[in-house]
N, C-alpha and C. Protein backbone atom coordinates (compact mmCIF):
# COMPACT_ATOMS: atom_id res chain seq x y z
N MET A 1 126.83 115.61 131.39
CA MET A 1 126.17 114.89 132.46
C MET A 1 125.04 115.72 133.05
N VAL A 2 125.24 117.03 133.17
CA VAL A 2 124.21 117.91 133.73
C VAL A 2 122.99 117.91 132.83
N LYS A 3 123.20 117.95 131.52
CA LYS A 3 122.07 117.94 130.59
C LYS A 3 121.33 116.61 130.65
N GLU A 4 122.07 115.52 130.88
CA GLU A 4 121.42 114.21 131.00
C GLU A 4 120.52 114.18 132.23
N ILE A 5 120.95 114.78 133.33
CA ILE A 5 120.15 114.82 134.55
C ILE A 5 118.89 115.65 134.35
N GLU A 6 119.02 116.74 133.59
CA GLU A 6 117.85 117.60 133.33
C GLU A 6 116.77 116.86 132.55
N ASN A 7 117.15 115.89 131.74
CA ASN A 7 116.20 115.15 130.93
C ASN A 7 115.53 114.00 131.69
N LEU A 8 115.94 113.75 132.93
CA LEU A 8 115.37 112.64 133.71
C LEU A 8 114.02 113.03 134.28
N THR A 9 113.18 112.04 134.47
CA THR A 9 111.90 112.29 135.13
C THR A 9 112.14 112.45 136.62
N GLU A 10 111.11 112.91 137.33
CA GLU A 10 111.25 113.12 138.78
C GLU A 10 111.55 111.80 139.50
N ASP A 11 110.91 110.73 139.08
CA ASP A 11 111.17 109.42 139.70
C ASP A 11 112.61 108.97 139.45
N GLU A 12 113.11 109.21 138.26
CA GLU A 12 114.49 108.83 137.95
C GLU A 12 115.47 109.67 138.76
N ARG A 13 115.15 110.95 138.98
CA ARG A 13 116.02 111.80 139.81
C ARG A 13 116.05 111.32 141.25
N ARG A 14 114.87 110.95 141.78
CA ARG A 14 114.82 110.43 143.16
C ARG A 14 115.63 109.14 143.27
N ALA A 15 115.50 108.28 142.27
CA ALA A 15 116.25 107.02 142.29
C ALA A 15 117.75 107.29 142.23
N LEU A 16 118.17 108.27 141.45
CA LEU A 16 119.58 108.61 141.34
C LEU A 16 120.10 109.16 142.66
N ARG A 17 119.31 110.05 143.31
CA ARG A 17 119.71 110.59 144.61
C ARG A 17 119.79 109.48 145.65
N GLY A 18 118.80 108.59 145.62
CA GLY A 18 118.77 107.49 146.59
C GLY A 18 119.92 106.52 146.41
N SER A 19 120.37 106.34 145.18
CA SER A 19 121.45 105.39 144.93
C SER A 19 122.77 105.88 145.52
N LYS A 20 122.89 107.18 145.73
CA LYS A 20 124.11 107.71 146.34
C LYS A 20 124.23 107.28 147.80
N PHE A 21 123.09 106.99 148.42
CA PHE A 21 123.08 106.63 149.84
C PHE A 21 122.70 105.17 150.05
N ALA A 22 122.73 104.39 149.01
CA ALA A 22 122.37 102.97 149.12
C ALA A 22 123.41 102.25 149.97
N PRO A 23 122.99 101.26 150.73
CA PRO A 23 123.96 100.52 151.55
C PRO A 23 124.93 99.74 150.66
N LEU A 24 126.14 99.63 151.13
CA LEU A 24 127.15 98.89 150.39
C LEU A 24 126.84 97.41 150.45
N PRO A 25 127.14 96.67 149.41
CA PRO A 25 126.89 95.23 149.45
C PRO A 25 127.79 94.57 150.49
N ARG A 26 127.23 93.58 151.17
CA ARG A 26 128.01 92.88 152.20
C ARG A 26 128.93 91.85 151.56
N ARG A 27 130.10 91.73 152.16
CA ARG A 27 131.01 90.69 151.72
C ARG A 27 130.57 89.39 152.37
N SER A 28 130.60 88.33 151.64
CA SER A 28 130.21 87.05 152.22
C SER A 28 131.45 86.39 152.80
N ASN A 29 131.41 86.16 154.09
CA ASN A 29 132.51 85.48 154.77
C ASN A 29 132.10 84.04 154.99
N SER A 30 132.83 83.13 154.40
CA SER A 30 132.50 81.73 154.59
C SER A 30 132.96 81.24 155.96
N LYS A 31 134.04 81.81 156.47
CA LYS A 31 134.55 81.41 157.78
C LYS A 31 134.36 82.56 158.76
N PRO A 32 134.02 82.24 160.02
CA PRO A 32 133.91 83.31 161.01
C PRO A 32 135.30 83.88 161.31
N ARG A 33 135.32 85.16 161.63
CA ARG A 33 136.59 85.81 161.94
C ARG A 33 136.97 85.53 163.38
N LEU A 34 138.25 85.34 163.62
CA LEU A 34 138.77 85.14 164.97
C LEU A 34 139.53 86.39 165.38
N ALA A 35 139.44 86.71 166.66
CA ALA A 35 140.13 87.90 167.15
C ALA A 35 141.64 87.75 167.01
N HIS A 36 142.15 86.59 167.36
CA HIS A 36 143.58 86.32 167.29
C HIS A 36 143.79 84.98 166.59
N PRO A 37 143.82 84.97 165.27
CA PRO A 37 143.98 83.70 164.56
C PRO A 37 145.25 82.99 164.99
N CYS A 38 145.14 81.73 165.31
CA CYS A 38 146.25 80.86 165.72
C CYS A 38 146.87 81.29 167.04
N GLY A 39 146.29 82.23 167.73
CA GLY A 39 146.82 82.65 169.02
C GLY A 39 146.07 81.97 170.15
N PRO A 40 146.50 82.20 171.39
CA PRO A 40 145.83 81.56 172.52
C PRO A 40 144.44 82.14 172.75
N LEU A 41 143.51 81.29 173.10
CA LEU A 41 142.17 81.70 173.46
C LEU A 41 142.07 81.72 174.97
N ALA A 42 141.33 82.66 175.52
CA ALA A 42 141.13 82.73 176.97
C ALA A 42 139.64 82.70 177.25
N THR A 43 139.25 81.93 178.25
CA THR A 43 137.85 81.85 178.63
C THR A 43 137.73 81.88 180.14
N ASN A 44 136.66 82.47 180.63
CA ASN A 44 136.40 82.48 182.06
C ASN A 44 135.01 81.92 182.35
N LYS A 45 134.49 81.09 181.45
CA LYS A 45 133.13 80.57 181.61
C LYS A 45 132.98 79.78 182.90
N ALA A 46 133.92 78.89 183.20
CA ALA A 46 133.81 78.07 184.40
C ALA A 46 133.90 78.94 185.65
N ALA A 47 134.82 79.90 185.66
CA ALA A 47 134.96 80.77 186.83
C ALA A 47 133.74 81.66 187.00
N ALA A 48 133.20 82.16 185.91
CA ALA A 48 132.00 83.00 185.99
C ALA A 48 130.81 82.20 186.50
N LEU A 49 130.68 80.97 186.05
CA LEU A 49 129.59 80.12 186.52
C LEU A 49 129.75 79.81 188.01
N ALA A 50 130.98 79.55 188.45
CA ALA A 50 131.22 79.28 189.87
C ALA A 50 130.88 80.49 190.73
N LYS A 51 131.27 81.68 190.29
CA LYS A 51 130.95 82.90 191.05
C LYS A 51 129.45 83.15 191.08
N PHE A 52 128.76 82.89 189.97
CA PHE A 52 127.31 83.05 189.92
C PHE A 52 126.64 82.11 190.91
N LEU A 53 127.05 80.84 190.91
CA LEU A 53 126.43 79.87 191.82
C LEU A 53 126.75 80.20 193.28
N GLU A 54 127.96 80.65 193.54
CA GLU A 54 128.33 81.05 194.91
C GLU A 54 127.45 82.21 195.38
N ARG A 55 127.22 83.17 194.52
CA ARG A 55 126.36 84.31 194.86
C ARG A 55 124.92 83.85 195.10
N LYS A 56 124.44 82.92 194.29
CA LYS A 56 123.08 82.41 194.46
C LYS A 56 122.94 81.61 195.75
N LEU A 57 123.98 80.88 196.14
CA LEU A 57 123.92 80.09 197.37
C LEU A 57 123.90 80.98 198.61
N LYS A 58 124.48 82.15 198.54
CA LYS A 58 124.47 83.08 199.68
C LYS A 58 123.11 83.72 199.88
N ASP A 59 122.35 83.85 198.81
CA ASP A 59 121.01 84.44 198.87
C ASP A 59 120.03 83.38 199.38
N PRO A 60 119.19 83.70 200.41
CA PRO A 60 118.26 82.70 200.95
C PRO A 60 117.31 82.13 199.89
N ASN A 61 116.86 82.92 198.96
CA ASN A 61 115.96 82.44 197.91
C ASN A 61 116.68 82.26 196.57
N GLY A 62 117.98 82.22 196.61
CA GLY A 62 118.76 82.18 195.38
C GLY A 62 118.55 80.92 194.56
N LEU A 63 118.54 79.76 195.23
CA LEU A 63 118.38 78.52 194.49
C LEU A 63 116.99 78.38 193.89
N ALA A 64 115.99 78.96 194.55
CA ALA A 64 114.63 78.87 194.03
C ALA A 64 114.48 79.67 192.73
N SER A 65 115.32 80.68 192.55
CA SER A 65 115.20 81.52 191.35
C SER A 65 115.96 80.97 190.15
N ILE A 66 116.71 79.88 190.34
CA ILE A 66 117.49 79.31 189.25
C ILE A 66 116.65 78.30 188.49
N ASN A 67 116.59 78.45 187.19
CA ASN A 67 115.92 77.49 186.32
C ASN A 67 116.86 76.30 186.14
N PRO A 68 116.47 75.09 186.56
CA PRO A 68 117.37 73.93 186.47
C PRO A 68 117.83 73.63 185.04
N ASP A 69 116.95 73.84 184.07
CA ASP A 69 117.34 73.58 182.68
C ASP A 69 118.43 74.55 182.23
N LEU A 70 118.29 75.82 182.62
CA LEU A 70 119.32 76.81 182.26
C LEU A 70 120.63 76.54 182.99
N LEU A 71 120.54 76.09 184.23
CA LEU A 71 121.74 75.76 184.99
C LEU A 71 122.47 74.59 184.33
N GLU A 72 121.74 73.58 183.95
CA GLU A 72 122.36 72.43 183.28
C GLU A 72 123.00 72.85 181.96
N LEU A 73 122.33 73.70 181.23
CA LEU A 73 122.87 74.21 179.97
C LEU A 73 124.16 74.99 180.21
N ALA A 74 124.18 75.83 181.25
CA ALA A 74 125.39 76.61 181.56
C ALA A 74 126.55 75.72 181.96
N VAL A 75 126.27 74.70 182.76
CA VAL A 75 127.32 73.77 183.18
C VAL A 75 127.88 73.02 181.97
N ASN A 76 127.00 72.51 181.13
CA ASN A 76 127.46 71.80 179.93
C ASN A 76 128.23 72.72 179.00
N ASN A 77 127.79 73.96 178.89
CA ASN A 77 128.48 74.93 178.05
C ASN A 77 129.89 75.19 178.58
N ALA A 78 130.03 75.33 179.88
CA ALA A 78 131.35 75.55 180.47
C ALA A 78 132.25 74.34 180.27
N LYS A 79 131.68 73.13 180.37
CA LYS A 79 132.47 71.91 180.18
C LYS A 79 132.94 71.77 178.74
N GLU A 80 132.10 72.16 177.81
CA GLU A 80 132.39 71.95 176.39
C GLU A 80 133.10 73.13 175.72
N THR A 81 133.54 74.09 176.48
CA THR A 81 134.16 75.29 175.90
C THR A 81 135.35 74.94 175.01
N VAL A 82 136.18 74.04 175.46
CA VAL A 82 137.37 73.68 174.69
C VAL A 82 136.98 73.06 173.37
N TYR A 83 136.00 72.19 173.38
CA TYR A 83 135.60 71.51 172.15
C TYR A 83 134.84 72.45 171.22
N ALA A 84 133.99 73.29 171.77
CA ALA A 84 133.21 74.21 170.95
C ALA A 84 134.09 75.24 170.25
N SER A 85 135.21 75.59 170.86
CA SER A 85 136.09 76.59 170.25
C SER A 85 136.96 75.99 169.16
N GLY A 86 136.94 74.68 169.02
CA GLY A 86 137.76 74.04 168.01
C GLY A 86 139.20 73.84 168.44
N ALA A 87 139.51 74.15 169.68
CA ALA A 87 140.89 74.06 170.14
C ALA A 87 141.36 72.62 170.23
N SER A 88 140.45 71.69 170.44
CA SER A 88 140.87 70.30 170.59
C SER A 88 141.41 69.73 169.29
N ASN A 89 141.01 70.30 168.16
CA ASN A 89 141.42 69.77 166.86
C ASN A 89 142.51 70.60 166.20
N SER A 90 142.80 71.77 166.69
CA SER A 90 143.68 72.66 165.94
C SER A 90 144.97 73.03 166.66
N GLN A 91 145.30 72.34 167.73
CA GLN A 91 146.54 72.61 168.47
C GLN A 91 146.62 74.03 168.99
N ARG A 92 145.49 74.66 169.26
CA ARG A 92 145.47 75.99 169.85
C ARG A 92 145.49 75.86 171.36
N ASN A 93 146.06 76.84 172.03
CA ASN A 93 146.05 76.87 173.49
C ASN A 93 144.80 77.57 173.97
N VAL A 94 144.16 76.98 174.98
CA VAL A 94 142.99 77.60 175.60
C VAL A 94 143.33 77.81 177.06
N ARG A 95 143.29 79.06 177.48
CA ARG A 95 143.58 79.39 178.88
C ARG A 95 142.26 79.55 179.62
N HIS A 96 142.13 78.86 180.74
CA HIS A 96 140.96 79.02 181.60
C HIS A 96 141.39 79.91 182.76
N VAL A 97 140.81 81.09 182.85
CA VAL A 97 141.23 82.08 183.83
C VAL A 97 140.06 82.46 184.72
N ASP A 98 140.37 82.95 185.94
CA ASP A 98 139.33 83.45 186.83
C ASP A 98 138.79 84.78 186.35
N SER A 99 139.70 85.63 185.89
CA SER A 99 139.31 86.89 185.26
C SER A 99 140.40 87.23 184.26
N PHE A 100 140.12 88.13 183.37
CA PHE A 100 141.07 88.40 182.31
C PHE A 100 142.26 89.23 182.76
N GLY A 101 142.28 89.66 184.00
CA GLY A 101 143.43 90.36 184.54
C GLY A 101 144.39 89.43 185.27
N ASP A 102 144.00 88.16 185.42
CA ASP A 102 144.81 87.20 186.18
C ASP A 102 146.00 86.73 185.37
N SER A 103 147.12 86.54 186.07
CA SER A 103 148.27 85.95 185.41
C SER A 103 148.27 84.44 185.60
N ASP A 104 147.58 83.95 186.66
CA ASP A 104 147.46 82.52 186.89
C ASP A 104 146.42 81.96 185.95
N SER A 105 146.80 80.94 185.21
CA SER A 105 145.84 80.32 184.30
C SER A 105 146.24 78.89 184.06
N LYS A 106 145.27 78.11 183.65
CA LYS A 106 145.50 76.73 183.31
C LYS A 106 145.47 76.65 181.79
N VAL A 107 146.51 76.08 181.18
CA VAL A 107 146.59 76.01 179.72
C VAL A 107 146.30 74.59 179.28
N LEU A 108 145.36 74.45 178.33
CA LEU A 108 145.05 73.17 177.73
C LEU A 108 145.43 73.23 176.26
N THR A 109 146.05 72.18 175.75
CA THR A 109 146.39 72.14 174.32
C THR A 109 145.71 70.97 173.66
C-alpha cells in the first residue's frame, strides 16, 4: 500500500487525504423523529401567548408594537396545536400546561 501511495500524483494524494475527512453521507429519514414516540405530548403555546399578551397590555405602547397579522397567526397556531401535532388522529395525549414544571394540566385525547 505504501508503494502504491508513492506512485500517486500530487493531486491524487491530496484527494486521498481529503477523502479521510469527507463528511459522512446523511441517512434519509422519511418520517420526522419524535422525542417520545406514542407518549404524551406537552405544549404551552396557549399559556405562553396569554402571558405575552398580558405583558403587552401592561406596557402603555405595547399594543401599538404588535403586528396584527403576527398576532392572528400566533392565536391560530395555538388553537391548532392539537391538530398540527397529529394527536387528533393517533390517540395520543396532548397536555396543555402553563409551564413545563406544572403538575396541573389539561389532557386532550
